[in-house]
Amino acid sequence: MSTDATKTWDPQRLKRDRLRMLQDEMKLRDIAALYLSDQTNVRYALDQHVPGGEVFVPADGEALGLVRGRDMGYVSRGHSNLRPPFYDRSALRAGTDPEQAARFVRGIRELMDEHGGGGGQIAFDALPVDPLLALVAAEVRVVDADPLMEHVVTVKTPDEVTIYRTVSEIEAHAIGAFRDALRPGVTENELAGLVVTAWHEAGGEDIAQLNICAGENMNPWVRWPTDRPLKEGEFVGIDIHGRGPSGLRGDTSRTFFVGRAPSAEQRDLYRRAHEYITGAVAEFRAGRSYSEVLEALPPIPEQYHARFADYNPGHGVGMGNSGFPKINQRRRGANEDLKVNQMLAIECYFGEVGSPQAVKLEEVICVRDGPPEVMTALVPYDEALAP
């Protein structure tokens, strides 16, 4: 399987839509320019890897990539509006050259003036203390870019929604390979190596985070794979955060039984978790506030409350890890409405304190006006346990 064989999205349209969404949000917030240094955000704006690169986004017009000479050649294949950096980023961050902060301020002002943003606000996503102080001293109006970026990237473009269907195909292949390799004696680390290989075989970019936990490592959730071998008669869980095309990242969990004869207790635990996740998914609909969704979620059995409280019933997925919004009881004050084409991971972790057993399940959904689209519908469950 290869993503090239199933590509049904338009990369140039995707990039145009991302820029439009950024600039629409900038205007809503009265931000004249956006300066991105975080590599995840740079990739979002340019739709390609640019090591050490930065991006200047004006309120109108094309994004400007600030790219080192050695990277100009390949970056120009996908984005033509490029310039060399106007300051030494490493020296500025290290504080080894006192002139760098002044050069940085001059360069920012020139960019703002050139693109009609002089005197307006400019938002930064990653700014060391020295250049920040220099900008403030020069009376440049600096604001934080993170709130803007969070609200933009949580809603996906039509092409990004299409890409998530491909990510689901990749996840189905990798988790299917994991399931097929389960047997007593195989270690968590061996399974992790197999999953990474399967992810790349299916056309995935890389795996940002991979949790594989068996037996007592599932409760509490140990996260990182170890050399522990699997045993007959226990659960094993996988939580995979893999990147697909355009850097878009999935987040899916499944739990499987090792062997052929789960106990009545294990069947009941799995059934409860599966019923919860199925019911929870249906409640995430456009127009509902986070509080309304939390009120509508299926009840969680009392014995699972303590462990479940460490997780988010729902959280955003996109370019980074466990993104905005984080919908949980601890953040009830952050009460916005769900929007069409938000991509969310819906989590379930049922495990009782003091028990080695747990079931972890997670689906990625796309929010719709009605019932959501389950993007991970192709990812297998344990057929012997799922209703």
Protein backbone atom coordinates (compact mmCIF):
# COMPACT_ATOMS: atom_id res chain seq x y z
CA MET A 1 0.00 0.00 0.00
CA SER A 2 1.21 3.50 -0.80
CA THR A 3 -0.40 6.90 -0.28
CA ASP A 4 0.73 7.85 -3.80
CA ALA A 5 -1.65 5.25 -5.19
CA THR A 6 -4.66 6.66 -3.32
CA LYS A 7 -3.94 10.41 -3.39
CA THR A 8 -7.26 12.18 -3.92
CA TRP A 9 -6.40 15.60 -2.54
CA ASP A 10 -4.90 18.72 -4.12
CA PRO A 11 -1.73 19.87 -2.27
CA GLN A 12 -1.79 23.37 -3.79
CA ARG A 13 -5.44 23.87 -2.88
CA LEU A 14 -4.71 22.60 0.62
CA LYS A 15 -1.96 25.19 1.03
CA ARG A 16 -4.16 27.98 -0.33
CA ASP A 17 -6.96 27.03 2.05
CA ARG A 18 -4.59 26.99 5.03
CA LEU A 19 -3.32 30.46 4.14
CA ARG A 20 -6.86 31.78 3.73
CA MET A 21 -7.87 30.39 7.13
CA LEU A 22 -4.80 31.93 8.78
CA GLN A 23 -5.43 35.32 7.24
CA ASP A 24 -9.15 35.25 8.06
CA GLU A 25 -8.33 34.59 11.72
CA MET A 26 -5.64 37.30 11.69
CA LYS A 27 -8.18 39.86 10.53
CA LEU A 28 -10.66 38.78 13.19
CA ARG A 29 -7.99 39.37 15.82
CA ASP A 30 -6.65 42.60 14.29
CA ILE A 31 -3.23 41.05 13.65
CA ALA A 32 -1.27 42.59 10.78
CA ALA A 33 1.35 39.85 10.44
CA LEU A 34 2.27 36.41 11.72
CA TYR A 35 5.86 35.24 12.24
CA LEU A 36 6.21 31.47 12.61
CA SER A 37 9.36 29.72 13.85
CA ASP A 38 7.95 26.56 15.41
CA GLN A 39 8.67 23.81 12.88
CA THR A 40 5.18 22.32 13.09
CA ASN A 41 3.65 25.71 12.29
CA VAL A 42 6.17 26.35 9.50
CA ARG A 43 5.18 23.08 7.92
CA TYR A 44 1.52 23.97 8.27
CA ALA A 45 2.03 27.23 6.37
CA LEU A 46 4.32 25.88 3.61
CA ASP A 47 3.22 22.22 3.57
CA GLN A 48 6.78 20.96 3.57
CA HIS A 49 9.73 20.40 5.89
CA VAL A 50 11.99 23.44 6.20
CA PRO A 51 14.67 22.73 8.84
CA GLY A 52 15.52 25.96 10.63
CA GLY A 53 13.18 27.92 8.36
CA GLU A 54 10.67 30.58 9.35
CA VAL A 55 7.56 32.05 7.74
CA PHE A 56 6.22 35.60 7.61
CA VAL A 57 2.48 35.69 6.91
CA PRO A 58 0.99 39.12 6.06
CA ALA A 59 -2.70 39.81 6.52
CA ASP A 60 -3.00 39.84 2.71
CA GLY A 61 -0.83 38.24 0.07
CA GLU A 62 1.43 35.23 -0.11
CA ALA A 63 3.35 33.77 2.80
CA LEU A 64 7.10 34.51 2.72
CA GLY A 65 9.48 31.68 3.58
CA LEU A 66 12.80 32.63 5.20
CA VAL A 67 15.03 29.73 4.23
CA ARG A 68 18.73 28.96 4.48
CA GLY A 69 20.63 28.79 1.21
CA ARG A 70 21.27 25.05 1.43
CA ASP A 71 17.51 24.40 1.58
CA MET A 72 16.39 26.91 -1.06
CA GLY A 73 16.59 24.45 -3.94
CA TYR A 74 14.18 21.84 -2.69
CA VAL A 75 11.85 24.24 -0.83
CA SER A 76 11.41 26.30 -4.02
CA ARG A 77 9.85 23.27 -5.73
CA GLY A 78 6.79 23.70 -3.56
CA HIS A 79 6.90 27.39 -2.59
CA SER A 80 8.48 30.11 -4.68
CA ASN A 81 8.17 33.16 -2.40
CA LEU A 82 11.44 32.73 -0.50
CA ARG A 83 14.26 34.84 0.91
CA PRO A 84 17.36 34.16 2.97
CA PRO A 85 17.01 34.88 6.71
CA PHE A 86 17.75 38.48 7.67
CA TYR A 87 19.45 37.55 10.94
CA ASP A 88 21.47 34.71 12.48
CA ARG A 89 18.90 32.70 14.40
CA SER A 90 21.45 30.59 16.29
CA ALA A 91 23.47 33.62 17.39
CA LEU A 92 20.30 35.44 18.44
CA ARG A 93 19.11 32.55 20.58
CA ALA A 94 22.56 32.01 22.09
CA GLY A 95 23.02 35.71 22.87
CA THR A 96 26.56 35.63 21.47
CA ASP A 97 26.15 38.64 19.16
CA PRO A 98 24.59 41.79 20.69
CA GLU A 99 23.88 43.18 17.22
CA GLN A 100 21.57 40.32 16.29
CA ALA A 101 18.60 41.60 18.32
CA ALA A 102 18.84 45.02 16.63
CA ARG A 103 19.11 43.34 13.22
CA PHE A 104 16.07 41.23 14.04
CA VAL A 105 14.00 44.29 14.99
CA ARG A 106 15.02 46.14 11.82
CA GLY A 107 14.12 43.13 9.68
CA ILE A 108 10.70 42.75 11.29
CA ARG A 109 9.93 46.42 10.81
CA GLU A 110 10.99 46.30 7.18
CA LEU A 111 8.78 43.27 6.52
CA MET A 112 5.84 44.95 8.24
CA ASP A 113 6.29 48.15 6.23
CA GLU A 114 6.77 46.27 2.97
CA HIS A 115 3.50 44.35 3.42
CA GLY A 116 1.40 47.23 4.70
CA GLY A 117 1.42 46.17 8.32
CA GLY A 118 3.59 48.91 9.78
CA GLY A 119 2.34 49.96 13.20
CA GLY A 120 0.02 46.95 13.48
CA GLN A 121 0.24 43.93 15.74
CA ILE A 122 2.55 41.04 14.86
CA ALA A 123 2.08 37.60 16.39
CA PHE A 124 5.01 35.28 17.17
CA ASP A 125 4.85 31.59 18.07
CA ALA A 126 8.39 31.08 19.42
CA LEU A 127 10.44 34.06 20.52
CA PRO A 128 13.46 34.05 22.88
CA VAL A 129 13.61 36.65 25.64
CA ASP A 130 16.29 38.90 24.09
CA PRO A 131 14.50 39.59 20.78
CA LEU A 132 11.20 39.92 22.61
CA LEU A 133 12.65 42.61 24.87
CA ALA A 134 14.23 44.31 21.87
CA LEU A 135 10.88 44.40 20.03
CA VAL A 136 9.09 45.78 23.10
CA ALA A 137 11.79 48.43 23.58
CA ALA A 138 11.34 49.44 19.93
CA GLU A 139 7.58 49.72 20.53
CA VAL A 140 6.70 46.94 18.11
CA ARG A 141 3.26 45.61 19.06
CA VAL A 142 3.92 41.94 19.83
CA VAL A 143 1.22 39.34 20.63
CA ASP A 144 1.19 35.57 21.14
CA ALA A 145 0.46 33.52 18.00
CA ASP A 146 -0.53 30.33 19.82
CA PRO A 147 -4.24 31.15 20.38
CA LEU A 148 -4.59 32.08 16.72
CA MET A 149 -2.84 28.93 15.51
CA GLU A 150 -4.90 26.70 17.82
CA HIS A 151 -8.19 27.99 16.46
CA VAL A 152 -7.09 27.74 12.84
CA VAL A 153 -5.54 24.28 12.77
CA THR A 154 -8.35 22.58 14.71
CA VAL A 155 -10.70 23.04 11.72
CA LYS A 156 -9.55 21.05 8.72
CA THR A 157 -9.70 22.00 5.06
CA PRO A 158 -11.60 19.65 2.70
CA ASP A 159 -8.29 18.24 1.46
CA GLU A 160 -7.10 17.64 5.03
CA VAL A 161 -10.30 15.70 5.75
CA THR A 162 -9.53 13.56 2.70
CA ILE A 163 -5.98 13.00 3.96
CA TYR A 164 -7.34 11.76 7.27
CA ARG A 165 -9.15 9.00 5.42
CA THR A 166 -5.79 7.93 4.06
CA VAL A 167 -4.26 8.15 7.55
CA SER A 168 -7.01 5.76 8.67
CA GLU A 169 -5.98 3.29 5.96
CA ILE A 170 -2.38 3.47 7.19
CA GLU A 171 -3.49 2.99 10.81
CA ALA A 172 -5.64 0.02 9.84
CA HIS A 173 -2.65 -1.63 8.17
CA ALA A 174 -0.29 -0.98 11.09
CA ILE A 175 -2.72 -2.01 13.85
CA GLY A 176 -3.82 -4.99 11.80
CA ALA A 177 -0.19 -6.11 11.63
CA PHE A 178 0.09 -5.60 15.41
CA ARG A 179 -3.01 -7.72 16.03
CA ASP A 180 -1.84 -10.51 13.73
CA ALA A 181 1.52 -10.73 15.54
CA LEU A 182 0.07 -11.15 19.04
CA ARG A 183 1.16 -14.37 20.75
CA PRO A 184 2.61 -15.34 24.10
CA GLY A 185 6.35 -14.64 24.21
CA VAL A 186 6.55 -11.73 21.77
CA THR A 187 7.76 -8.60 23.55
CA GLU A 188 6.31 -5.10 23.57
CA ASN A 189 9.51 -3.86 21.89
CA GLU A 190 9.27 -6.47 19.14
CA LEU A 191 5.69 -5.42 18.47
CA ALA A 192 6.77 -1.77 18.36
CA GLY A 193 9.36 -2.52 15.68
CA LEU A 194 6.78 -4.38 13.64
CA VAL A 195 4.30 -1.50 13.88
CA VAL A 196 6.88 1.08 12.77
CA THR A 197 7.76 -1.08 9.75
CA ALA A 198 4.10 -1.58 8.87
CA TRP A 199 3.46 2.17 9.14
CA HIS A 200 6.16 2.95 6.59
CA GLU A 201 5.08 0.06 4.34
CA ALA A 202 1.62 1.60 4.17
CA GLY A 203 2.98 4.99 3.13
CA GLY A 204 3.07 6.74 6.51
CA GLU A 205 5.61 9.46 7.15
CA ASP A 206 6.77 8.62 10.67
CA ILE A 207 5.44 7.72 14.10
CA ALA A 208 5.59 10.60 16.54
CA GLN A 209 4.60 8.49 19.55
CA LEU A 210 3.90 4.80 20.03
CA ASN A 211 2.56 3.24 23.24
CA ILE A 212 2.37 -0.53 23.60
CA CYS A 213 1.41 -1.88 27.03
CA ALA A 214 0.64 -5.46 28.05
CA GLY A 215 -0.79 -6.95 31.25
CA GLU A 216 0.05 -4.92 34.34
CA ASN A 217 1.73 -2.29 32.12
CA MET A 218 -1.76 -1.27 31.02
CA ASN A 219 -2.88 -0.13 34.49
CA PRO A 220 -1.51 2.33 35.22
CA TRP A 221 -0.71 2.98 31.55
CA VAL A 222 3.09 2.71 31.27
CA ARG A 223 3.12 4.21 27.74
CA TRP A 224 6.55 3.26 26.39
CA PRO A 225 7.20 -0.29 25.12
CA THR A 226 9.54 -2.51 27.16
CA ASP A 227 11.14 -5.92 26.75
CA ARG A 228 8.26 -7.52 28.67
CA PRO A 229 6.92 -10.59 26.84
CA LEU A 230 3.19 -11.04 26.33
CA LYS A 231 1.42 -13.75 28.33
CA GLU A 232 -1.57 -15.93 27.58
CA GLY A 233 -4.80 -14.59 29.01
CA GLU A 234 -4.02 -10.85 29.25
CA PHE A 235 -4.89 -7.63 27.47
CA VAL A 236 -2.42 -5.66 25.36
CA GLY A 237 -3.06 -2.08 24.27
CA ILE A 238 -1.66 0.12 21.52
CA ASP A 239 -1.89 3.91 21.16
CA ILE A 240 -0.36 5.17 17.92
CA HIS A 241 0.33 8.78 16.95
CA GLY A 242 1.52 8.49 13.37
CA ARG A 243 2.00 11.19 10.76
CA GLY A 244 0.58 10.80 7.31
CA PRO A 245 0.66 13.09 4.25
CA SER A 246 1.19 16.82 4.89
CA GLY A 247 2.30 16.03 8.45
CA LEU A 248 -1.24 15.33 9.66
CA ARG A 249 -1.17 13.16 12.72
CA GLY A 250 -3.59 10.45 13.80
CA ASP A 251 -4.23 9.27 17.35
CA THR A 252 -5.85 5.86 17.71
CA SER A 253 -5.99 3.27 20.49
CA ARG A 254 -7.09 -0.34 20.50
CA THR A 255 -6.96 -3.17 23.05
CA PHE A 256 -6.69 -6.87 22.16
CA PHE A 257 -6.79 -10.10 24.13
CA VAL A 258 -3.83 -12.49 24.00
CA GLY A 259 -5.13 -16.01 23.58
CA ARG A 260 -8.55 -17.53 23.03
CA ALA A 261 -10.42 -17.62 26.35
CA PRO A 262 -11.00 -14.24 28.02
CA SER A 263 -12.59 -14.39 31.45
CA ALA A 264 -16.09 -13.12 32.17
CA GLU A 265 -14.50 -10.12 33.95
CA GLN A 266 -12.38 -9.29 30.91
CA ARG A 267 -15.36 -9.60 28.55
CA ASP A 268 -17.41 -7.29 30.77
CA LEU A 269 -14.64 -4.69 30.98
CA TYR A 270 -14.16 -4.67 27.21
CA ARG A 271 -17.92 -4.50 26.59
CA ARG A 272 -18.31 -1.49 28.90
CA ALA A 273 -15.43 0.36 27.26
CA HIS A 274 -16.71 -0.38 23.75
CA GLU A 275 -20.24 0.73 24.63
CA TYR A 276 -18.87 3.94 26.13
CA ILE A 277 -16.70 4.89 23.14
CA THR A 278 -19.53 4.14 20.69
CA GLY A 279 -21.97 6.27 22.67
CA ALA A 280 -19.48 9.07 23.26
CA VAL A 281 -18.57 9.47 19.59
CA ALA A 282 -22.18 10.19 18.66
CA GLU A 283 -22.38 13.21 21.00
CA PHE A 284 -19.72 15.33 19.27
CA ARG A 285 -21.77 17.44 16.86
CA ALA A 286 -21.26 20.90 15.40
CA GLY A 287 -22.95 23.70 17.33
CA ARG A 288 -22.79 21.96 20.69
CA SER A 289 -20.69 23.59 23.38
CA TYR A 290 -18.00 21.62 25.18
CA SER A 291 -20.17 21.68 28.32
CA GLU A 292 -23.15 20.34 26.43
CA VAL A 293 -21.06 17.50 25.05
CA LEU A 294 -19.69 16.63 28.50
CA GLU A 295 -23.21 16.55 29.93
CA ALA A 296 -24.39 14.26 27.13
CA LEU A 297 -21.58 11.68 27.35
CA PRO A 298 -22.49 8.20 28.58
CA PRO A 299 -22.01 7.66 32.32
CA ILE A 300 -18.66 6.22 33.41
CA PRO A 301 -18.85 3.45 36.02
CA GLU A 302 -17.67 4.76 39.39
CA GLN A 303 -14.74 2.35 39.68
CA TYR A 304 -13.13 3.81 36.54
CA HIS A 305 -13.44 7.51 37.43
CA ALA A 306 -10.02 7.94 39.03
CA ARG A 307 -8.04 6.63 36.06
CA PHE A 308 -10.30 8.14 33.39
CA ALA A 309 -9.86 11.60 34.93
CA ASP A 310 -6.28 11.65 33.60
CA TYR A 311 -7.57 11.60 30.01
CA ASN A 312 -9.59 13.89 27.77
CA PRO A 313 -12.99 12.58 26.63
CA GLY A 314 -12.15 14.55 23.49
CA HIS A 315 -9.18 16.52 22.16
CA GLY A 316 -8.03 17.99 18.89
CA VAL A 317 -5.71 16.22 16.47
CA GLY A 318 -3.68 17.76 13.69
CA MET A 319 -0.02 18.58 13.17
CA GLY A 320 1.01 18.34 16.82
CA ASN A 321 0.31 16.29 19.91
CA SER A 322 -3.06 16.24 21.70
CA GLY A 323 -4.08 19.61 20.38
CA PHE A 324 -6.74 22.23 20.98
CA PRO A 325 -9.44 21.87 22.16
CA LYS A 326 -9.01 19.67 25.23
CA ILE A 327 -12.55 18.81 26.27
CA ASN A 328 -12.67 17.58 29.86
CA GLN A 329 -14.21 18.36 33.23
CA ARG A 330 -11.09 20.23 34.35
CA ARG A 331 -11.49 22.83 31.59
CA ARG A 332 -15.20 23.55 31.72
CA GLY A 333 -14.49 27.28 31.66
CA ALA A 334 -13.13 27.00 28.11
CA ASN A 335 -16.60 26.65 26.64
CA GLU A 336 -16.73 27.16 22.88
CA ASP A 337 -18.89 25.45 20.29
CA LEU A 338 -17.76 22.57 18.13
CA LYS A 339 -17.30 23.45 14.45
CA VAL A 340 -17.80 21.53 11.22
CA ASN A 341 -14.58 19.80 10.09
CA GLN A 342 -12.92 19.90 13.51
CA MET A 343 -10.86 16.72 13.85
CA LEU A 344 -11.05 15.22 17.34
CA ALA A 345 -9.78 12.12 19.13
CA ILE A 346 -12.41 10.58 21.42
CA GLU A 347 -10.78 8.62 24.26
CA CYS A 348 -11.82 5.86 26.62
CA TYR A 349 -9.67 4.37 29.37
CA PHE A 350 -11.45 1.96 31.70
CA GLY A 351 -9.23 0.56 34.43
CA GLU A 352 -9.87 0.23 38.16
CA VAL A 353 -7.23 1.45 40.62
CA GLY A 354 -5.51 -1.60 42.09
CA SER A 355 -6.32 -3.86 39.14
CA PRO A 356 -3.71 -4.73 36.50
CA GLN A 357 -6.39 -4.82 33.80
CA ALA A 358 -7.57 -1.96 31.62
CA VAL A 359 -9.06 -1.32 28.20
CA LYS A 360 -7.98 1.70 26.14
CA LEU A 361 -9.90 2.67 23.01
CA GLU A 362 -9.72 5.82 20.90
CA GLU A 363 -11.36 6.99 17.69
CA VAL A 364 -10.65 9.98 15.45
CA ILE A 365 -13.79 11.74 14.25
CA CYS A 366 -14.62 14.64 11.94
CA VAL A 367 -17.31 16.89 13.42
CA ARG A 368 -20.41 17.33 11.29
CA ASP A 369 -23.77 19.08 11.68
CA GLY A 370 -25.27 15.69 12.46
CA PRO A 371 -23.52 12.49 13.54
CA PRO A 372 -19.73 12.74 13.13
CA GLU A 373 -17.73 10.88 10.52
CA VAL A 374 -15.60 8.21 12.20
CA MET A 375 -12.29 8.57 10.42
CA THR A 376 -10.83 5.45 12.07
CA ALA A 377 -13.69 3.16 11.05
CA LEU A 378 -11.26 0.89 9.17
CA VAL A 379 -9.04 0.28 12.22
CA PRO A 380 -9.83 -3.18 13.61
CA TYR A 381 -11.15 -4.01 17.05
CA ASP A 382 -10.77 -7.36 18.79
CA GLU A 383 -13.45 -9.27 16.87
CA ALA A 384 -13.83 -11.84 19.64
CA LEU A 385 -14.70 -9.14 22.20
CA ALA A 386 -16.32 -6.24 20.35
CA PRO A 387 -20.14 -6.56 20.20
